[in-house]
Structure formats: C-alpha cells, structure tokens
PDB file of all heavy atoms in Angstrom:
ATOM      1  N   ILE A   1      -4.251  -1.921  -2.666  1.00  0.00           N
ATOM      2  CA  ILE A   1      -2.809  -1.885  -2.953  1.00  0.00           C
ATOM      3  C   ILE A   1      -1.952  -2.741  -2.031  1.00  0.00           C
ATOM      4  O   ILE A   1      -0.787  -2.991  -2.336  1.00  0.00           O
ATOM      5  CB  ILE A   1      -2.274  -0.437  -2.907  1.00  0.00           C
ATOM      6  CG1 ILE A   1      -2.334   0.130  -1.484  1.00  0.00           C
ATOM      7  CG2 ILE A   1      -3.029   0.451  -3.888  1.00  0.00           C
ATOM      8  CD1 ILE A   1      -1.647   1.475  -1.335  1.00  0.00           C
ATOM      9  N   LEU A   2      -2.479  -3.221  -0.893  1.00  0.00           N
ATOM     10  CA  LEU A   2      -1.610  -3.882   0.091  1.00  0.00           C
ATOM     11  C   LEU A   2      -1.037  -5.204  -0.391  1.00  0.00           C
ATOM     12  O   LEU A   2      -0.017  -5.657   0.130  1.00  0.00           O
ATOM     13  CB  LEU A   2      -2.363  -4.089   1.405  1.00  0.00           C
ATOM     14  CG  LEU A   2      -2.653  -2.825   2.233  1.00  0.00           C
ATOM     15  CD1 LEU A   2      -3.250  -3.208   3.588  1.00  0.00           C
ATOM     16  CD2 LEU A   2      -1.398  -1.985   2.424  1.00  0.00           C
ATOM     17  N   HIS A   3      -1.672  -5.841  -1.381  1.00  0.00           N
ATOM     18  CA  HIS A   3      -1.094  -7.090  -1.915  1.00  0.00           C
ATOM     19  C   HIS A   3      -0.098  -6.806  -3.044  1.00  0.00           C
ATOM     20  O   HIS A   3       0.385  -7.740  -3.685  1.00  0.00           O
ATOM     21  CB  HIS A   3      -2.204  -8.032  -2.395  1.00  0.00           C
ATOM     22  CG  HIS A   3      -3.062  -7.492  -3.493  1.00  0.00           C
ATOM     23  ND1 HIS A   3      -3.998  -6.502  -3.284  1.00  0.00           N
ATOM     24  CD2 HIS A   3      -3.125  -7.793  -4.830  1.00  0.00           C
ATOM     25  CE1 HIS A   3      -4.619  -6.233  -4.432  1.00  0.00           C
ATOM     26  NE2 HIS A   3      -4.099  -7.005  -5.379  1.00  0.00           N
ATOM     27  N   ASP A   4       0.221  -5.521  -3.275  1.00  0.00           N
ATOM     28  CA  ASP A   4       1.244  -5.102  -4.234  1.00  0.00           C
ATOM     29  C   ASP A   4       0.912  -5.533  -5.664  1.00  0.00           C
ATOM     30  O   ASP A   4       1.714  -6.202  -6.331  1.00  0.00           O
ATOM     31  CB  ASP A   4       2.606  -5.661  -3.828  1.00  0.00           C
ATOM     32  CG  ASP A   4       3.767  -4.959  -4.522  1.00  0.00           C
ATOM     33  OD1 ASP A   4       3.628  -3.759  -4.830  1.00  0.00           O
ATOM     34  OD2 ASP A   4       4.804  -5.606  -4.763  1.00  0.00           O
ATOM     35  N   PRO A   5      -0.241  -5.096  -6.191  1.00  0.00           N
ATOM     36  CA  PRO A   5      -0.630  -5.487  -7.551  1.00  0.00           C
ATOM     37  C   PRO A   5       0.162  -4.721  -8.603  1.00  0.00           C
ATOM     38  O   PRO A   5       0.746  -3.667  -8.337  1.00  0.00           O
ATOM     39  CB  PRO A   5      -2.117  -5.103  -7.600  1.00  0.00           C
ATOM     40  CG  PRO A   5      -2.216  -3.935  -6.665  1.00  0.00           C
ATOM     41  CD  PRO A   5      -1.249  -4.230  -5.545  1.00  0.00           C
ATOM     42  N   ASP A   6       0.153  -5.249  -9.817  1.00  0.00           N
ATOM     43  CA  ASP A   6       0.803  -4.567 -10.942  1.00  0.00           C
ATOM     44  C   ASP A   6      -0.087  -3.468 -11.519  1.00  0.00           C
ATOM     45  O   ASP A   6       0.412  -2.462 -12.021  1.00  0.00           O
ATOM     46  CB  ASP A   6       1.134  -5.566 -12.058  1.00  0.00           C
ATOM     47  CG  ASP A   6       2.153  -6.590 -11.622  1.00  0.00           C
ATOM     48  OD1 ASP A   6       3.070  -6.224 -10.860  1.00  0.00           O
ATOM     49  OD2 ASP A   6       2.037  -7.759 -12.040  1.00  0.00           O
ATOM     50  N   ILE A   7      -1.404  -3.688 -11.498  1.00  0.00           N
ATOM     51  CA  ILE A   7      -2.362  -2.772 -12.119  1.00  0.00           C
ATOM     52  C   ILE A   7      -3.370  -2.329 -11.062  1.00  0.00           C
ATOM     53  O   ILE A   7      -3.962  -3.168 -10.366  1.00  0.00           O
ATOM     54  CB  ILE A   7      -3.135  -3.444 -13.267  1.00  0.00           C
ATOM     55  CG1 ILE A   7      -2.207  -4.234 -14.180  1.00  0.00           C
ATOM     56  CG2 ILE A   7      -3.947  -2.413 -14.053  1.00  0.00           C
ATOM     57  CD1 ILE A   7      -2.944  -5.151 -15.129  1.00  0.00           C
ATOM     58  N   LEU A   8      -3.579  -1.033 -10.955  1.00  0.00           N
ATOM     59  CA  LEU A   8      -4.609  -0.493 -10.075  1.00  0.00           C
ATOM     60  C   LEU A   8      -5.761   0.006 -10.937  1.00  0.00           C
ATOM     61  O   LEU A   8      -5.557   0.829 -11.842  1.00  0.00           O
ATOM     62  CB  LEU A   8      -4.067   0.652  -9.229  1.00  0.00           C
ATOM     63  CG  LEU A   8      -2.970   0.300  -8.231  1.00  0.00           C
ATOM     64  CD1 LEU A   8      -2.503   1.568  -7.509  1.00  0.00           C
ATOM     65  CD2 LEU A   8      -3.478  -0.717  -7.227  1.00  0.00           C
ATOM     66  N   VAL A   9      -6.959  -0.481 -10.660  1.00  0.00           N
ATOM     67  CA  VAL A   9      -8.167  -0.067 -11.372  1.00  0.00           C
ATOM     68  C   VAL A   9      -9.054   0.631 -10.348  1.00  0.00           C
ATOM     69  O   VAL A   9      -9.588  -0.007  -9.429  1.00  0.00           O
ATOM     70  CB  VAL A   9      -8.887  -1.277 -12.005  1.00  0.00           C
ATOM     71  CG1 VAL A   9     -10.142  -0.823 -12.737  1.00  0.00           C
ATOM     72  CG2 VAL A   9      -7.943  -2.018 -12.948  1.00  0.00           C
ATOM     73  N   LEU A  10      -9.193   1.942 -10.501  1.00  0.00           N
ATOM     74  CA  LEU A  10      -9.814   2.775  -9.471  1.00  0.00           C
ATOM     75  C   LEU A  10     -11.011   3.499 -10.071  1.00  0.00           C
ATOM     76  O   LEU A  10     -10.865   4.336 -10.972  1.00  0.00           O
ATOM     77  CB  LEU A  10      -8.797   3.769  -8.919  1.00  0.00           C
ATOM     78  CG  LEU A  10      -7.424   3.181  -8.548  1.00  0.00           C
ATOM     79  CD1 LEU A  10      -6.447   4.294  -8.171  1.00  0.00           C
ATOM     80  CD2 LEU A  10      -7.552   2.175  -7.424  1.00  0.00           C
ATOM     81  N   ASP A  11     -12.193   3.186  -9.563  1.00  0.00           N
ATOM     82  CA  ASP A  11     -13.440   3.730 -10.105  1.00  0.00           C
ATOM     83  C   ASP A  11     -13.859   4.936  -9.277  1.00  0.00           C
ATOM     84  O   ASP A  11     -14.255   4.782  -8.116  1.00  0.00           O
ATOM     85  CB  ASP A  11     -14.516   2.634 -10.087  1.00  0.00           C
ATOM     86  CG  ASP A  11     -15.686   2.955 -11.004  1.00  0.00           C
ATOM     87  OD1 ASP A  11     -15.731   4.078 -11.548  1.00  0.00           O
ATOM     88  OD2 ASP A  11     -16.559   2.083 -11.170  1.00  0.00           O
ATOM     89  N   GLU A  12     -13.776   6.127  -9.856  1.00  0.00           N
ATOM     90  CA  GLU A  12     -14.130   7.390  -9.179  1.00  0.00           C
ATOM     91  C   GLU A  12     -13.424   7.491  -7.811  1.00  0.00           C
ATOM     92  O   GLU A  12     -14.067   7.628  -6.772  1.00  0.00           O
ATOM     93  CB  GLU A  12     -15.646   7.522  -9.016  1.00  0.00           C
ATOM     94  CG  GLU A  12     -16.419   7.563 -10.318  1.00  0.00           C
ATOM     95  CD  GLU A  12     -16.268   8.891 -11.066  1.00  0.00           C
ATOM     96  OE1 GLU A  12     -15.681   9.830 -10.503  1.00  0.00           O
ATOM     97  OE2 GLU A  12     -16.734   8.964 -12.214  1.00  0.00           O
ATOM     98  N   PRO A  13     -12.106   7.428  -7.789  1.00  0.00           N
ATOM     99  CA  PRO A  13     -11.387   7.374  -6.506  1.00  0.00           C
ATOM    100  C   PRO A  13     -11.480   8.651  -5.674  1.00  0.00           C
ATOM    101  O   PRO A  13     -11.206   8.613  -4.478  1.00  0.00           O
ATOM    102  CB  PRO A  13      -9.936   7.111  -6.929  1.00  0.00           C
ATOM    103  CG  PRO A  13      -9.842   7.660  -8.312  1.00  0.00           C
ATOM    104  CD  PRO A  13     -11.177   7.375  -8.936  1.00  0.00           C
ATOM    105  N   PHE A  14     -11.859   9.773  -6.289  1.00  0.00           N
ATOM    106  CA  PHE A  14     -11.937  11.026  -5.536  1.00  0.00           C
ATOM    107  C   PHE A  14     -13.339  11.304  -4.997  1.00  0.00           C
ATOM    108  O   PHE A  14     -13.578  12.353  -4.404  1.00  0.00           O
ATOM    109  CB  PHE A  14     -11.474  12.190  -6.410  1.00  0.00           C
ATOM    110  CG  PHE A  14     -10.077  12.033  -6.925  1.00  0.00           C
ATOM    111  CD1 PHE A  14      -9.833  11.783  -8.259  1.00  0.00           C
ATOM    112  CD2 PHE A  14      -8.994  12.086  -6.056  1.00  0.00           C
ATOM    113  CE1 PHE A  14      -8.548  11.612  -8.732  1.00  0.00           C
ATOM    114  CE2 PHE A  14      -7.695  11.911  -6.516  1.00  0.00           C
ATOM    115  CZ  PHE A  14      -7.473  11.676  -7.853  1.00  0.00           C
ATOM    116  N   SER A  15     -14.242  10.349  -5.181  1.00  0.00           N
ATOM    117  CA  SER A  15     -15.607  10.519  -4.713  1.00  0.00           C
ATOM    118  C   SER A  15     -15.641  10.659  -3.195  1.00  0.00           C
ATOM    119  O   SER A  15     -15.083   9.831  -2.464  1.00  0.00           O
ATOM    120  CB  SER A  15     -16.456   9.314  -5.135  1.00  0.00           C
ATOM    121  OG  SER A  15     -17.757   9.401  -4.618  1.00  0.00           O
ATOM    122  N   GLY A  16     -16.280  11.703  -2.703  1.00  0.00           N
ATOM    123  CA  GLY A  16     -16.438  11.901  -1.267  1.00  0.00           C
ATOM    124  C   GLY A  16     -15.240  12.509  -0.569  1.00  0.00           C
ATOM    125  O   GLY A  16     -15.254  12.649   0.653  1.00  0.00           O
ATOM    126  N   LEU A  17     -14.191  12.868  -1.308  1.00  0.00           N
ATOM    127  CA  LEU A  17     -12.988  13.415  -0.686  1.00  0.00           C
ATOM    128  C   LEU A  17     -13.026  14.939  -0.684  1.00  0.00           C
ATOM    129  O   LEU A  17     -13.354  15.567  -1.690  1.00  0.00           O
ATOM    130  CB  LEU A  17     -11.738  12.943  -1.427  1.00  0.00           C
ATOM    131  CG  LEU A  17     -11.429  11.448  -1.412  1.00  0.00           C
ATOM    132  CD1 LEU A  17     -10.139  11.171  -2.167  1.00  0.00           C
ATOM    133  CD2 LEU A  17     -11.326  10.922   0.005  1.00  0.00           C
ATOM    134  N   ASP A  18     -12.649  15.522   0.457  1.00  0.00           N
ATOM    135  CA  ASP A  18     -12.495  16.973   0.504  1.00  0.00           C
ATOM    136  C   ASP A  18     -11.170  17.332  -0.169  1.00  0.00           C
ATOM    137  O   ASP A  18     -10.368  16.460  -0.510  1.00  0.00           O
ATOM    138  CB  ASP A  18     -12.558  17.481   1.951  1.00  0.00           C
ATOM    139  CG  ASP A  18     -11.464  16.902   2.842  1.00  0.00           C
ATOM    140  OD1 ASP A  18     -10.319  16.723   2.370  1.00  0.00           O
ATOM    141  OD2 ASP A  18     -11.742  16.610   4.022  1.00  0.00           O
ATOM    142  N   PRO A  19     -10.906  18.628  -0.418  1.00  0.00           N
ATOM    143  CA  PRO A  19      -9.685  19.000  -1.150  1.00  0.00           C
ATOM    144  C   PRO A  19      -8.393  18.499  -0.522  1.00  0.00           C
ATOM    145  O   PRO A  19      -7.464  18.111  -1.237  1.00  0.00           O
ATOM    146  CB  PRO A  19      -9.751  20.537  -1.164  1.00  0.00           C
ATOM    147  CG  PRO A  19     -11.212  20.847  -1.102  1.00  0.00           C
ATOM    148  CD  PRO A  19     -11.806  19.785  -0.212  1.00  0.00           C
ATOM    149  N   VAL A  20      -8.304  18.481   0.819  1.00  0.00           N
ATOM    150  CA  VAL A  20      -7.081  18.024   1.478  1.00  0.00           C
ATOM    151  C   VAL A  20      -6.875  16.531   1.230  1.00  0.00           C
ATOM    152  O   VAL A  20      -5.778  16.085   0.843  1.00  0.00           O
ATOM    153  CB  VAL A  20      -7.120  18.323   2.982  1.00  0.00           C
ATOM    154  CG1 VAL A  20      -5.922  17.677   3.693  1.00  0.00           C
ATOM    155  CG2 VAL A  20      -7.127  19.836   3.225  1.00  0.00           C
ATOM    156  N   ASN A  21      -7.918  15.742   1.428  1.00  0.00           N
ATOM    157  CA  ASN A  21      -7.810  14.302   1.210  1.00  0.00           C
ATOM    158  C   ASN A  21      -7.603  13.969  -0.263  1.00  0.00           C
ATOM    159  O   ASN A  21      -6.904  13.005  -0.606  1.00  0.00           O
ATOM    160  CB  ASN A  21      -9.049  13.591   1.742  1.00  0.00           C
ATOM    161  CG  ASN A  21      -9.050  13.480   3.253  1.00  0.00           C
ATOM    162  OD1 ASN A  21      -8.000  13.303   3.872  1.00  0.00           O
ATOM    163  ND2 ASN A  21     -10.219  13.586   3.865  1.00  0.00           N
ATOM    164  N   ALA A  22      -8.204  14.769  -1.155  1.00  0.00           N
ATOM    165  CA  ALA A  22      -8.008  14.542  -2.586  1.00  0.00           C
ATOM    166  C   ALA A  22      -6.542  14.741  -2.974  1.00  0.00           C
ATOM    167  O   ALA A  22      -5.984  13.974  -3.766  1.00  0.00           O
ATOM    168  CB  ALA A  22      -8.907  15.469  -3.398  1.00  0.00           C
ATOM    169  N   GLU A  23      -5.901  15.754  -2.389  1.00  0.00           N
ATOM    170  CA  GLU A  23      -4.487  15.985  -2.674  1.00  0.00           C
ATOM    171  C   GLU A  23      -3.630  14.835  -2.155  1.00  0.00           C
ATOM    172  O   GLU A  23      -2.660  14.433  -2.796  1.00  0.00           O
ATOM    173  CB  GLU A  23      -4.034  17.306  -2.050  1.00  0.00           C
ATOM    174  CG  GLU A  23      -4.486  18.535  -2.818  1.00  0.00           C
ATOM    175  CD  GLU A  23      -4.004  18.544  -4.258  1.00  0.00           C
ATOM    176  OE1 GLU A  23      -2.794  18.351  -4.482  1.00  0.00           O
ATOM    177  OE2 GLU A  23      -4.857  18.717  -5.155  1.00  0.00           O
ATOM    178  N   GLN A  24      -3.975  14.299  -0.988  1.00  0.00           N
ATOM    179  CA  GLN A  24      -3.229  13.144  -0.469  1.00  0.00           C
ATOM    180  C   GLN A  24      -3.382  11.946  -1.398  1.00  0.00           C
ATOM    181  O   GLN A  24      -2.417  11.222  -1.667  1.00  0.00           O
ATOM    182  CB  GLN A  24      -3.725  12.791   0.929  1.00  0.00           C
ATOM    183  CG  GLN A  24      -3.251  13.742   2.018  1.00  0.00           C
ATOM    184  CD  GLN A  24      -3.636  13.247   3.396  1.00  0.00           C
ATOM    185  OE1 GLN A  24      -4.684  12.627   3.588  1.00  0.00           O
ATOM    186  NE2 GLN A  24      -2.794  13.507   4.374  1.00  0.00           N
ATOM    187  N   MET A  25      -4.596  11.746  -1.911  1.00  0.00           N
ATOM    188  CA  MET A  25      -4.831  10.620  -2.806  1.00  0.00           C
ATOM    189  C   MET A  25      -4.055  10.800  -4.111  1.00  0.00           C
ATOM    190  O   MET A  25      -3.466   9.853  -4.644  1.00  0.00           O
ATOM    191  CB  MET A  25      -6.325  10.475  -3.096  1.00  0.00           C
ATOM    192  CG  MET A  25      -6.688   9.226  -3.869  1.00  0.00           C
ATOM    193  SD  MET A  25      -6.498   7.708  -2.895  1.00  0.00           S
ATOM    194  CE  MET A  25      -8.005   7.767  -1.923  1.00  0.00           C
ATOM    195  N   LYS A  26      -4.010  12.015  -4.627  1.00  0.00           N
ATOM    196  CA  LYS A  26      -3.242  12.280  -5.840  1.00  0.00           C
ATOM    197  C   LYS A  26      -1.757  11.987  -5.614  1.00  0.00           C
ATOM    198  O   LYS A  26      -1.085  11.409  -6.474  1.00  0.00           O
ATOM    199  CB  LYS A  26      -3.442  13.726  -6.287  1.00  0.00           C
ATOM    200  CG  LYS A  26      -4.839  14.028  -6.806  1.00  0.00           C
ATOM    201  CD  LYS A  26      -5.015  15.512  -7.094  1.00  0.00           C
ATOM    202  CE  LYS A  26      -6.435  15.823  -7.516  1.00  0.00           C
ATOM    203  NZ  LYS A  26      -6.661  17.272  -7.754  1.00  0.00           N
ATOM    204  N   GLY A  27      -1.274  12.392  -4.445  1.00  0.00           N
ATOM    205  CA  GLY A  27       0.122  12.098  -4.123  1.00  0.00           C
ATOM    206  C   GLY A  27       0.383  10.607  -4.070  1.00  0.00           C
ATOM    207  O   GLY A  27       1.446  10.127  -4.504  1.00  0.00           O
ATOM    208  N   ALA A  28      -0.581   9.839  -3.545  1.00  0.00           N
ATOM    209  CA  ALA A  28      -0.446   8.385  -3.493  1.00  0.00           C
ATOM    210  C   ALA A  28      -0.407   7.788  -4.898  1.00  0.00           C
ATOM    211  O   ALA A  28       0.366   6.856  -5.169  1.00  0.00           O
ATOM    212  CB  ALA A  28      -1.597   7.785  -2.687  1.00  0.00           C
ATOM    213  N   PHE A  29      -1.221   8.321  -5.805  1.00  0.00           N
ATOM    214  CA  PHE A  29      -1.199   7.844  -7.189  1.00  0.00           C
ATOM    215  C   PHE A  29       0.179   8.039  -7.802  1.00  0.00           C
ATOM    216  O   PHE A  29       0.727   7.127  -8.445  1.00  0.00           O
ATOM    217  CB  PHE A  29      -2.216   8.632  -8.030  1.00  0.00           C
ATOM    218  CG  PHE A  29      -3.648   8.231  -7.841  1.00  0.00           C
ATOM    219  CD1 PHE A  29      -4.049   7.463  -6.774  1.00  0.00           C
ATOM    220  CD2 PHE A  29      -4.603   8.643  -8.738  1.00  0.00           C
ATOM    221  CE1 PHE A  29      -5.364   7.109  -6.606  1.00  0.00           C
ATOM    222  CE2 PHE A  29      -5.927   8.298  -8.591  1.00  0.00           C
ATOM    223  CZ  PHE A  29      -6.310   7.526  -7.520  1.00  0.00           C
ATOM    224  N   LEU A  30       0.728   9.219  -7.623  1.00  0.00           N
ATOM    225  CA  LEU A  30       2.032   9.518  -8.207  1.00  0.00           C
ATOM    226  C   LEU A  30       3.118   8.625  -7.623  1.00  0.00           C
ATOM    227  O   LEU A  30       4.031   8.175  -8.330  1.00  0.00           O
ATOM    228  CB  LEU A  30       2.373  10.990  -7.991  1.00  0.00           C
ATOM    229  CG  LEU A  30       1.450  11.987  -8.708  1.00  0.00           C
ATOM    230  CD1 LEU A  30       1.768  13.416  -8.280  1.00  0.00           C
ATOM    231  CD2 LEU A  30       1.564  11.854 -10.225  1.00  0.00           C
ATOM    232  N   GLU A  31       3.014   8.351  -6.325  1.00  0.00           N
ATOM    233  CA  GLU A  31       3.993   7.472  -5.683  1.00  0.00           C
ATOM    234  C   GLU A  31       3.897   6.058  -6.237  1.00  0.00           C
ATOM    235  O   GLU A  31       4.914   5.407  -6.506  1.00  0.00           O
ATOM    236  CB  GLU A  31       3.781   7.480  -4.168  1.00  0.00           C
ATOM    237  CG  GLU A  31       4.851   6.721  -3.413  1.00  0.00           C
ATOM    238  CD  GLU A  31       4.799   6.984  -1.914  1.00  0.00           C
ATOM    239  OE1 GLU A  31       4.439   8.112  -1.513  1.00  0.00           O
ATOM    240  OE2 GLU A  31       5.124   6.054  -1.160  1.00  0.00           O
ATOM    241  N   MET A  32       2.672   5.560  -6.413  1.00  0.00           N
ATOM    242  CA  MET A  32       2.500   4.219  -6.973  1.00  0.00           C
ATOM    243  C   MET A  32       3.017   4.163  -8.416  1.00  0.00           C
ATOM    244  O   MET A  32       3.638   3.182  -8.820  1.00  0.00           O
ATOM    245  CB  MET A  32       1.028   3.814  -6.916  1.00  0.00           C
ATOM    246  CG  MET A  32       0.483   3.637  -5.497  1.00  0.00           C
ATOM    247  SD  MET A  32       1.341   2.345  -4.557  1.00  0.00           S
ATOM    248  CE  MET A  32       0.742   0.870  -5.368  1.00  0.00           C
TER     249      MET A  32
END
C-alpha cells in the first residue's frame, strides 16, 4: 500500500494472524 495504489489484491491476508492482529488488519481494510 505504500505506493498508494488504486486496487489492492490481497491473497489470504489473514493467514498467520492471531485474533488481535486480524482485527487490526480488518480495520486497515476499512480505512483503505
């Protein structure tokens, strides 16, 4: 995301995340 793309293509983005980190990632999705 750091180059500010228009489209994010995320393959199994929650893989390896514990519940706390998964919630942070979900929040990041909503923000984007």
